[in-house]
PDB file of N, CA and C in Angstrom:
ATOM      1  N   MET A   1      44.547  25.559  -9.504  1.00  0.00           N
ATOM      2  CA  MET A   1      44.967  24.275  -9.010  1.00  0.00           C
ATOM      3  C   MET A   1      43.909  23.229  -9.358  1.00  0.00           C
ATOM      4  N   GLU A   2      44.286  22.212 -10.113  1.00  0.00           N
ATOM      5  CA  GLU A   2      43.360  21.179 -10.558  1.00  0.00           C
ATOM      6  C   GLU A   2      43.425  19.969  -9.637  1.00  0.00           C
ATOM      7  N   THR A   3      42.235  19.457  -9.242  1.00  0.00           N
ATOM      8  CA  THR A   3      42.219  18.235  -8.442  1.00  0.00           C
ATOM      9  C   THR A   3      42.329  17.042  -9.376  1.00  0.00           C
ATOM     10  N   LYS A   4      43.025  16.029  -8.935  1.00  0.00           N
ATOM     11  CA  LYS A   4      43.215  14.847  -9.762  1.00  0.00           C
ATOM     12  C   LYS A   4      42.060  13.879  -9.527  1.00  0.00           C
ATOM     13  N   ASP A   5      41.343  13.596 -10.594  1.00  0.00           N
ATOM     14  CA  ASP A   5      40.218  12.665 -10.528  1.00  0.00           C
ATOM     15  C   ASP A   5      40.660  11.358 -11.178  1.00  0.00           C
ATOM     16  N   PRO A   6      40.773  10.278 -10.412  1.00  0.00           N
ATOM     17  CA  PRO A   6      41.247   9.021 -10.995  1.00  0.00           C
ATOM     18  C   PRO A   6      40.240   8.406 -11.965  1.00  0.00           C
ATOM     19  N   LEU A   7      38.971   8.767 -11.874  1.00  0.00           N
ATOM     20  CA  LEU A   7      37.960   8.183 -12.746  1.00  0.00           C
ATOM     21  C   LEU A   7      37.770   8.963 -14.044  1.00  0.00           C
ATOM     22  N   LYS A   8      38.421  10.126 -14.143  1.00  0.00           N
ATOM     23  CA  LYS A   8      38.226  10.992 -15.300  1.00  0.00           C
ATOM     24  C   LYS A   8      38.855  10.392 -16.563  1.00  0.00           C
ATOM     25  N   ALA A   9      39.950   9.675 -16.428  1.00  0.00           N
ATOM     26  CA  ALA A   9      40.668   9.156 -17.584  1.00  0.00           C
ATOM     27  C   ALA A   9      40.045   7.868 -18.139  1.00  0.00           C
ATOM     28  N   ASN A  10      39.079   7.259 -17.458  1.00  0.00           N
ATOM     29  CA  ASN A  10      38.484   6.001 -17.924  1.00  0.00           C
ATOM     30  C   ASN A  10      37.575   6.217 -19.116  1.00  0.00           C
ATOM     31  N   ASP A  11      37.561   5.248 -19.995  1.00  0.00           N
ATOM     32  CA  ASP A  11      36.658   5.265 -21.131  1.00  0.00           C
ATOM     33  C   ASP A  11      35.431   4.445 -20.751  1.00  0.00           C
ATOM     34  N   TRP A  12      34.382   5.114 -20.314  1.00  0.00           N
ATOM     35  CA  TRP A  12      33.243   4.441 -19.712  1.00  0.00           C
ATOM     36  C   TRP A  12      32.442   3.632 -20.716  1.00  0.00           C
ATOM     37  N   LYS A  13      32.407   4.029 -21.967  1.00  0.00           N
ATOM     38  CA  LYS A  13      31.637   3.280 -22.971  1.00  0.00           C
ATOM     39  C   LYS A  13      32.256   1.910 -23.226  1.00  0.00           C
ATOM     40  N   ASN A  14      33.573   1.840 -23.261  1.00  0.00           N
ATOM     41  CA  ASN A  14      34.228   0.578 -23.564  1.00  0.00           C
ATOM     42  C   ASN A  14      34.309  -0.353 -22.357  1.00  0.00           C
ATOM     43  N   ILE A  15      34.199   0.192 -21.151  1.00  0.00           N
ATOM     44  CA  ILE A  15      34.259  -0.663 -19.959  1.00  0.00           C
ATOM     45  C   ILE A  15      33.049  -1.587 -19.923  1.00  0.00           C
ATOM     46  N   GLY A  16      31.878  -1.076 -20.198  1.00  0.00           N
ATOM     47  CA  GLY A  16      30.668  -1.895 -20.184  1.00  0.00           C
ATOM     48  C   GLY A  16      30.695  -2.967 -21.249  1.00  0.00           C
ATOM     49  N   LYS A  17      31.235  -2.660 -22.420  1.00  0.00           N
ATOM     50  CA  LYS A  17      31.307  -3.651 -23.492  1.00  0.00           C
ATOM     51  C   LYS A  17      32.293  -4.750 -23.166  1.00  0.00           C
ATOM     52  N   SER A  18      33.408  -4.395 -22.541  1.00  0.00           N
ATOM     53  CA  SER A  18      34.414  -5.417 -22.251  1.00  0.00           C
ATOM     54  C   SER A  18      33.909  -6.399 -21.204  1.00  0.00           C
ATOM     55  N   VAL A  19      33.132  -5.935 -20.247  1.00  0.00           N
ATOM     56  CA  VAL A  19      32.578  -6.835 -19.234  1.00  0.00           C
ATOM     57  C   VAL A  19      31.518  -7.738 -19.854  1.00  0.00           C
ATOM     58  N   ALA A  20      30.702  -7.190 -20.753  1.00  0.00           N
ATOM     59  CA  ALA A  20      29.642  -7.980 -21.369  1.00  0.00           C
ATOM     60  C   ALA A  20      30.211  -9.021 -22.327  1.00  0.00           C
ATOM     61  N   ASP A  21      31.330  -8.710 -22.996  1.00  0.00           N
ATOM     62  CA  ASP A  21      31.904  -9.635 -23.965  1.00  0.00           C
ATOM     63  C   ASP A  21      32.795 -10.692 -23.324  1.00  0.00           C
ATOM     64  N   ASP A  22      33.188 -10.513 -22.082  1.00  0.00           N
ATOM     65  CA  ASP A  22      34.102 -11.437 -21.420  1.00  0.00           C
ATOM     66  C   ASP A  22      33.358 -12.723 -21.040  1.00  0.00           C
ATOM     67  N   PRO A  23      33.751 -13.893 -21.577  1.00  0.00           N
ATOM     68  CA  PRO A  23      33.025 -15.131 -21.267  1.00  0.00           C
ATOM     69  C   PRO A  23      33.271 -15.620 -19.838  1.00  0.00           C
ATOM     70  N   THR A  24      34.357 -15.212 -19.189  1.00  0.00           N
ATOM     71  CA  THR A  24      34.618 -15.662 -17.827  1.00  0.00           C
ATOM     72  C   THR A  24      33.746 -14.940 -16.811  1.00  0.00           C
ATOM     73  N   SER A  25      33.218 -13.770 -17.180  1.00  0.00           N
ATOM     74  CA  SER A  25      32.381 -13.029 -16.239  1.00  0.00           C
ATOM     75  C   SER A  25      31.046 -13.735 -16.023  1.00  0.00           C
ATOM     76  N   GLU A  26      30.634 -14.587 -16.965  1.00  0.00           N
ATOM     77  CA  GLU A  26      29.369 -15.299 -16.841  1.00  0.00           C
ATOM     78  C   GLU A  26      29.420 -16.341 -15.723  1.00  0.00           C
ATOM     79  N   SER A  27      30.566 -16.938 -15.522  1.00  0.00           N
ATOM     80  CA  SER A  27      30.685 -17.960 -14.495  1.00  0.00           C
ATOM     81  C   SER A  27      30.753 -17.352 -13.089  1.00  0.00           C
ATOM     82  N   LEU A  28      31.057 -16.065 -13.008  1.00  0.00           N
ATOM     83  CA  LEU A  28      31.159 -15.424 -11.709  1.00  0.00           C
ATOM     84  C   LEU A  28      29.780 -15.173 -11.092  1.00  0.00           C
ATOM     85  N   VAL A  29      28.791 -14.980 -11.935  1.00  0.00           N
ATOM     86  CA  VAL A  29      27.457 -14.665 -11.449  1.00  0.00           C
ATOM     87  C   VAL A  29      26.620 -15.935 -11.461  1.00  0.00           C
ATOM     88  N   LYS A  30      26.159 -16.344 -10.283  1.00  0.00           N
ATOM     89  CA  LYS A  30      25.303 -17.519 -10.194  1.00  0.00           C
ATOM     90  C   LYS A  30      23.855 -17.075 -10.287  1.00  0.00           C
ATOM     91  N   LYS A  31      23.121 -17.758 -11.118  1.00  0.00           N
ATOM     92  CA  LYS A  31      21.711 -17.423 -11.279  1.00  0.00           C
ATOM     93  C   LYS A  31      20.894 -18.364 -10.407  1.00  0.00           C
ATOM     94  N   ARG A  32      20.024 -17.784  -9.601  1.00  0.00           N
ATOM     95  CA  ARG A  32      19.160 -18.592  -8.746  1.00  0.00           C
ATOM     96  C   ARG A  32      17.924 -19.000  -9.513  1.00  0.00           C
ATOM     97  N   ARG A  33      17.653 -20.259  -9.496  1.00  0.00           N
ATOM     98  CA  ARG A  33      16.445 -20.771 -10.116  1.00  0.00           C
ATOM     99  C   ARG A  33      15.598 -21.410  -9.021  1.00  0.00           C
ATOM    100  N   PRO A  34      14.316 -21.171  -9.065  1.00  0.00           N
ATOM    101  CA  PRO A  34      13.473 -21.808  -8.054  1.00  0.00           C
ATOM    102  C   PRO A  34      13.444 -23.317  -8.262  1.00  0.00           C
ATOM    103  N   LYS A  35      13.438 -24.038  -7.149  1.00  0.00           N
ATOM    104  CA  LYS A  35      13.441 -25.487  -7.244  1.00  0.00           C
ATOM    105  C   LYS A  35      12.109 -26.006  -7.748  1.00  0.00           C
ATOM    106  N   LYS A  36      11.037 -25.382  -7.319  1.00  0.00           N
ATOM    107  CA  LYS A  36       9.724 -25.829  -7.720  1.00  0.00           C
ATOM    108  C   LYS A  36       8.845 -24.606  -7.937  1.00  0.00           C
ATOM    109  N   VAL A  37       8.161 -24.555  -9.042  1.00  0.00           N
ATOM    110  CA  VAL A  37       7.265 -23.452  -9.330  1.00  0.00           C
ATOM    111  C   VAL A  37       5.904 -23.799  -8.741  1.00  0.00           C
ATOM    112  N   ARG A  38       5.415 -22.925  -7.871  1.00  0.00           N
ATOM    113  CA  ARG A  38       4.135 -23.168  -7.226  1.00  0.00           C
ATOM    114  C   ARG A  38       3.019 -22.521  -8.018  1.00  0.00           C
ATOM    115  N   ASN A  39       1.976 -23.260  -8.243  1.00  0.00           N
ATOM    116  CA  ASN A  39       0.793 -22.711  -8.894  1.00  0.00           C
ATOM    117  C   ASN A  39      -0.144 -22.173  -7.824  1.00  0.00           C
ATOM    118  N   ILE A  40      -0.368 -20.875  -7.833  1.00  0.00           N
ATOM    119  CA  ILE A  40      -1.213 -20.225  -6.844  1.00  0.00           C
ATOM    120  C   ILE A  40      -2.598 -20.056  -7.455  1.00  0.00           C
ATOM    121  N   PRO A  41      -3.636 -20.507  -6.768  1.00  0.00           N
ATOM    122  CA  PRO A  41      -4.986 -20.370  -7.333  1.00  0.00           C
ATOM    123  C   PRO A  41      -5.419 -18.918  -7.407  1.00  0.00           C
ATOM    124  N   GLU A  42      -6.355 -18.647  -8.296  1.00  0.00           N
ATOM    125  CA  GLU A  42      -6.818 -17.281  -8.517  1.00  0.00           C
ATOM    126  C   GLU A  42      -7.541 -16.722  -7.294  1.00  0.00           C
ATOM    127  N   TYR A  43      -8.278 -17.573  -6.571  1.00  0.00           N
ATOM    128  CA  TYR A  43      -9.052 -17.077  -5.444  1.00  0.00           C
ATOM    129  C   TYR A  43      -8.183 -16.757  -4.229  1.00  0.00           C
ATOM    130  N   TYR A  44      -6.887 -17.017  -4.308  1.00  0.00           N
ATOM    131  CA  TYR A  44      -5.991 -16.726  -3.195  1.00  0.00           C
ATOM    132  C   TYR A  44      -5.885 -15.220  -2.967  1.00  0.00           C
ATOM    133  N   PHE A  45      -5.932 -14.463  -4.039  1.00  0.00           N
ATOM    134  CA  PHE A  45      -5.814 -13.012  -3.944  1.00  0.00           C
ATOM    135  C   PHE A  45      -7.192 -12.389  -3.838  1.00  0.00           C
ATOM    136  N   LEU A  46      -7.225 -11.146  -3.366  1.00  0.00           N
ATOM    137  CA  LEU A  46      -8.483 -10.435  -3.292  1.00  0.00           C
ATOM    138  C   LEU A  46      -9.008 -10.182  -4.693  1.00  0.00           C
ATOM    139  N   PRO A  47     -10.321 -10.201  -4.855  1.00  0.00           N
ATOM    140  CA  PRO A  47     -10.856  -9.940  -6.191  1.00  0.00           C
ATOM    141  C   PRO A  47     -10.555  -8.503  -6.619  1.00  0.00           C
ATOM    142  N   ARG A  48     -10.254  -8.365  -7.851  1.00  0.00           N
ATOM    143  CA  ARG A  48      -9.940  -7.035  -8.369  1.00  0.00           C
ATOM    144  C   ARG A  48     -11.166  -6.452  -9.035  1.00  0.00           C
ATOM    145  N   LYS A  49     -11.475  -5.237  -8.669  1.00  0.00           N
ATOM    146  CA  LYS A  49     -12.628  -4.550  -9.233  1.00  0.00           C
ATOM    147  C   LYS A  49     -12.132  -3.419 -10.133  1.00  0.00           C
ATOM    148  N   THR A  50     -12.975  -3.022 -11.044  1.00  0.00           N
ATOM    149  CA  THR A  50     -12.636  -1.859 -11.848  1.00  0.00           C
ATOM    150  C   THR A  50     -12.729  -0.630 -10.950  1.00  0.00           C
ATOM    151  N   LEU A  51     -12.058   0.430 -11.333  1.00  0.00           N
ATOM    152  CA  LEU A  51     -12.002   1.632 -10.501  1.00  0.00           C
ATOM    153  C   LEU A  51     -13.381   2.238 -10.252  1.00  0.00           C
ATOM    154  N   PRO A  52     -14.246   2.390 -11.262  1.00  0.00           N
ATOM    155  CA  PRO A  52     -15.570   2.965 -10.966  1.00  0.00           C
ATOM    156  C   PRO A  52     -16.406   2.090 -10.027  1.00  0.00           C
ATOM    157  N   SER A  53     -16.346   0.764 -10.206  1.00  0.00           N
ATOM    158  CA  SER A  53     -17.142  -0.089  -9.325  1.00  0.00           C
ATOM    159  C   SER A  53     -16.567  -0.100  -7.911  1.00  0.00           C
ATOM    160  N   ALA A  54     -15.245  -0.006  -7.785  1.00  0.00           N
ATOM    161  CA  ALA A  54     -14.634   0.044  -6.455  1.00  0.00           C
ATOM    162  C   ALA A  54     -15.006   1.343  -5.749  1.00  0.00           C
ATOM    163  N   ILE A  55     -14.988   2.453  -6.479  1.00  0.00           N
ATOM    164  CA  ILE A  55     -15.373   3.740  -5.885  1.00  0.00           C
ATOM    165  C   ILE A  55     -16.836   3.704  -5.457  1.00  0.00           C
ATOM    166  N   ALA A  56     -17.704   3.119  -6.294  1.00  0.00           N
ATOM    167  CA  ALA A  56     -19.119   3.048  -5.949  1.00  0.00           C
ATOM    168  C   ALA A  56     -19.345   2.144  -4.736  1.00  0.00           C
ATOM    169  N   PHE A  57     -18.689   0.995  -4.709  1.00  0.00           N
ATOM    170  CA  PHE A  57     -18.884   0.029  -3.615  1.00  0.00           C
ATOM    171  C   PHE A  57     -18.392   0.583  -2.291  1.00  0.00           C
ATOM    172  N   TYR A  58     -17.145   0.996  -2.257  1.00  0.00           N
ATOM    173  CA  TYR A  58     -16.584   1.480  -0.998  1.00  0.00           C
ATOM    174  C   TYR A  58     -17.133   2.848  -0.618  1.00  0.00           C
ATOM    175  N   GLY A  59     -17.477   3.651  -1.600  1.00  0.00           N
ATOM    176  CA  GLY A  59     -18.100   4.939  -1.319  1.00  0.00           C
ATOM    177  C   GLY A  59     -19.457   4.781  -0.661  1.00  0.00           C
ATOM    178  N   SER A  60     -20.212   3.758  -1.085  1.00  0.00           N
ATOM    179  CA  SER A  60     -21.520   3.522  -0.459  1.00  0.00           C
ATOM    180  C   SER A  60     -21.357   3.099   0.992  1.00  0.00           C
ATOM    181  N   TRP A  61     -20.316   2.305   1.292  1.00  0.00           N
ATOM    182  CA  TRP A  61     -20.055   1.920   2.690  1.00  0.00           C
ATOM    183  C   TRP A  61     -19.686   3.145   3.528  1.00  0.00           C
ATOM    184  N   ILE A  62     -18.880   4.015   2.969  1.00  0.00           N
ATOM    185  CA  ILE A  62     -18.483   5.221   3.704  1.00  0.00           C
ATOM    186  C   ILE A  62     -19.686   6.122   3.946  1.00  0.00           C
ATOM    187  N   LEU A  63     -20.503   6.311   2.906  1.00  0.00           N
ATOM    188  CA  LEU A  63     -21.689   7.149   3.062  1.00  0.00           C
ATOM    189  C   LEU A  63     -22.676   6.523   4.045  1.00  0.00           C
ATOM    190  N   GLY A  64     -22.785   5.203   4.037  1.00  0.00           N
ATOM    191  CA  GLY A  64     -23.653   4.530   5.010  1.00  0.00           C
ATOM    192  C   GLY A  64     -23.177   4.762   6.432  1.00  0.00           C
ATOM    193  N   GLY A  65     -21.866   4.722   6.636  1.00  0.00           N
ATOM    194  CA  GLY A  65     -21.312   4.980   7.968  1.00  0.00           C
ATOM    195  C   GLY A  65     -21.541   6.406   8.419  1.00  0.00           C
ATOM    196  N   VAL A  66     -21.375   7.346   7.496  1.00  0.00           N
ATOM    197  CA  VAL A  66     -21.611   8.759   7.830  1.00  0.00           C
ATOM    198  C   VAL A  66     -23.083   8.970   8.159  1.00  0.00           C
ATOM    199  N   GLY A  67     -23.973   8.357   7.370  1.00  0.00           N
ATOM    200  CA  GLY A  67     -25.412   8.481   7.631  1.00  0.00           C
ATOM    201  C   GLY A  67     -25.799   7.885   8.972  1.00  0.00           C
ATOM    202  N   ALA A  68     -25.223   6.723   9.307  1.00  0.00           N
ATOM    203  CA  ALA A  68     -25.520   6.105  10.600  1.00  0.00           C
ATOM    204  C   ALA A  68     -25.023   6.991  11.748  1.00  0.00           C
ATOM    205  N   GLY A  69     -23.870   7.611  11.573  1.00  0.00           N
ATOM    206  CA  GLY A  69     -23.354   8.518  12.601  1.00  0.00           C
ATOM    207  C   GLY A  69     -24.244   9.731  12.780  1.00  0.00           C
ATOM    208  N   MET A  70     -24.778  10.237  11.663  1.00  0.00           N
ATOM    209  CA  MET A  70     -25.671  11.393  11.753  1.00  0.00           C
ATOM    210  C   MET A  70     -26.981  11.016  12.447  1.00  0.00           C
ATOM    211  N   LEU A  71     -27.502   9.830  12.138  1.00  0.00           N
ATOM    212  CA  LEU A  71     -28.726   9.385  12.800  1.00  0.00           C
ATOM    213  C   LEU A  71     -28.496   9.184  14.293  1.00  0.00           C
ATOM    214  N   ALA A  72     -27.352   8.637  14.657  1.00  0.00           N
ATOM    215  CA  ALA A  72     -27.038   8.440  16.080  1.00  0.00           C
ATOM    216  C   ALA A  72     -26.930   9.787  16.789  1.00  0.00           C
ATOM    217  N   GLU A  73     -26.339  10.773  16.119  1.00  0.00           N
ATOM    218  CA  GLU A  73     -26.216  12.099  16.721  1.00  0.00           C
ATOM    219  C   GLU A  73     -27.585  12.748  16.918  1.00  0.00           C
ATOM    220  N   ILE A  74     -28.455  12.607  15.934  1.00  0.00           N
ATOM    221  CA  ILE A  74     -29.810  13.162  16.050  1.00  0.00           C
ATOM    222  C   ILE A  74     -30.555  12.469  17.192  1.00  0.00           C
ATOM    223  N   TRP A  75     -30.428  11.148  17.304  1.00  0.00           N
ATOM    224  CA  TRP A  75     -31.101  10.397  18.370  1.00  0.00           C
ATOM    225  C   TRP A  75     -30.599  10.823  19.747  1.00  0.00           C
ATOM    226  N   ILE A  76     -29.286  11.003  19.871  1.00  0.00           N
ATOM    227  CA  ILE A  76     -28.720  11.431  21.157  1.00  0.00           C
ATOM    228  C   ILE A  76     -29.208  12.825  21.519  1.00  0.00           C
ATOM    229  N   ASN A  77     -29.202  13.746  20.541  1.00  0.00           N
ATOM    230  CA  ASN A  77     -29.683  15.112  20.810  1.00  0.00           C
ATOM    231  C   ASN A  77     -31.151  15.113  21.216  1.00  0.00           C
ATOM    232  N   LYS A  78     -31.950  14.245  20.596  1.00  0.00           N
ATOM    233  CA  LYS A  78     -33.368  14.141  20.936  1.00  0.00           C
ATOM    234  C   LYS A  78     -33.529  13.635  22.371  1.00  0.00           C
ATOM    235  N   LYS A  79     -32.759  12.633  22.752  1.00  0.00           N
ATOM    236  CA  LYS A  79     -32.845  12.086  24.109  1.00  0.00           C
ATOM    237  C   LYS A  79     -32.403  13.112  25.157  1.00  0.00           C
ATOM    238  N   VAL A  80     -31.399  13.910  24.824  1.00  0.00           N
ATOM    239  CA  VAL A  80     -30.928  14.939  25.760  1.00  0.00           C
ATOM    240  C   VAL A  80     -32.003  16.005  25.950  1.00  0.00           C
ATOM    241  N   LYS A  81     -32.687  16.385  24.865  1.00  0.00           N
ATOM    242  CA  LYS A  81     -33.755  17.390  24.971  1.00  0.00           C
ATOM    243  C   LYS A  81     -34.938  16.857  25.782  1.00  0.00           C
ATOM    244  N   GLU A  82     -35.275  15.571  25.574  1.00  0.00           N
ATOM    245  CA  GLU A  82     -36.384  14.962  26.312  1.00  0.00           C
ATOM    246  C   GLU A  82     -36.069  14.864  27.802  1.00  0.00           C
ATOM    247  N   ASP A  83     -34.815  14.607  28.113  1.00  0.00           N
ATOM    248  CA  ASP A  83     -34.408  14.427  29.503  1.00  0.00           C
ATOM    249  C   ASP A  83     -34.509  15.732  30.262  1.00  0.00           C
ATOM    250  N   GLY A  84     -34.176  16.830  29.623  1.00  0.00           N
ATOM    251  CA  GLY A  84     -34.253  18.121  30.277  1.00  0.00           C
ATOM    252  C   GLY A  84     -33.069  18.406  31.187  1.00  0.00           C
ATOM    253  N   GLY A  85     -31.984  17.717  30.996  1.00  0.00           N
ATOM    254  CA  GLY A  85     -30.807  17.963  31.817  1.00  0.00           C
ATOM    255  C   GLY A  85     -30.739  16.964  32.957  1.00  0.00           C
ATOM    256  N   GLY A  86     -29.860  17.220  33.887  1.00  0.00           N
ATOM    257  CA  GLY A  86     -29.719  16.320  35.015  1.00  0.00           C
ATOM    258  C   GLY A  86     -28.522  15.398  34.856  1.00  0.00           C
ATOM    259  N   VAL A  87     -28.506  14.379  35.701  1.00  0.00           N
ATOM    260  CA  VAL A  87     -27.375  13.452  35.728  1.00  0.00           C
ATOM    261  C   VAL A  87     -27.610  12.388  34.662  1.00  0.00           C
ATOM    262  N   ILE A  88     -26.615  12.192  33.825  1.00  0.00           N
ATOM    263  CA  ILE A  88     -26.722  11.189  32.767  1.00  0.00           C
ATOM    264  C   ILE A  88     -26.394   9.814  33.338  1.00  0.00           C
ATOM    265  N   TRP A  89     -25.367   9.717  34.167  1.00  0.00           N
ATOM    266  CA  TRP A  89     -24.932   8.428  34.703  1.00  0.00           C
ATOM    267  C   TRP A  89     -24.514   8.610  36.152  1.00  0.00           C
ATOM    268  N   GLU A  90     -25.035   7.797  37.020  1.00  0.00           N
ATOM    269  CA  GLU A  90     -24.681   7.868  38.413  1.00  0.00           C
ATOM    270  C   GLU A  90     -23.822   6.675  38.788  1.00  0.00           C
ATOM    271  N   PHE A  91     -22.675   6.946  39.393  1.00  0.00           N
ATOM    272  CA  PHE A  91     -21.784   5.876  39.827  1.00  0.00           C
ATOM    273  C   PHE A  91     -22.176   5.436  41.239  1.00  0.00           C
ATOM    274  N   GLY A  92     -21.987   4.163  41.551  1.00  0.00           N
ATOM    275  CA  GLY A  92     -22.191   3.677  42.899  1.00  0.00           C
ATOM    276  C   GLY A  92     -23.591   3.213  43.225  1.00  0.00           C
ATOM    277  N   LYS A  93     -24.443   3.097  42.262  1.00  0.00           N
ATOM    278  CA  LYS A  93     -25.798   2.601  42.543  1.00  0.00           C
ATOM    279  C   LYS A  93     -25.949   1.173  42.145  1.00  0.00           C
TER     280      LYS A  93
END
């Protein structure tokens, strides 16, 4: 039992050509044109860096943050050892 496909009998190659060659189809599509072209200055956008310089720049910031976190952790551990335990923060005083 064969299903009837209504699109099977169409000649798809000639359909595209007939639409492109039809001069009345051009009037159906309205083309939007901007009323005024705005000139945007170059400094409006973020500066673009090359990939190696961007990796070096942002990588140094990331490594600086990691280093600062490690120094803070070492300082906190040193303060905890010096304190010798006890109450770190007392509420109500």
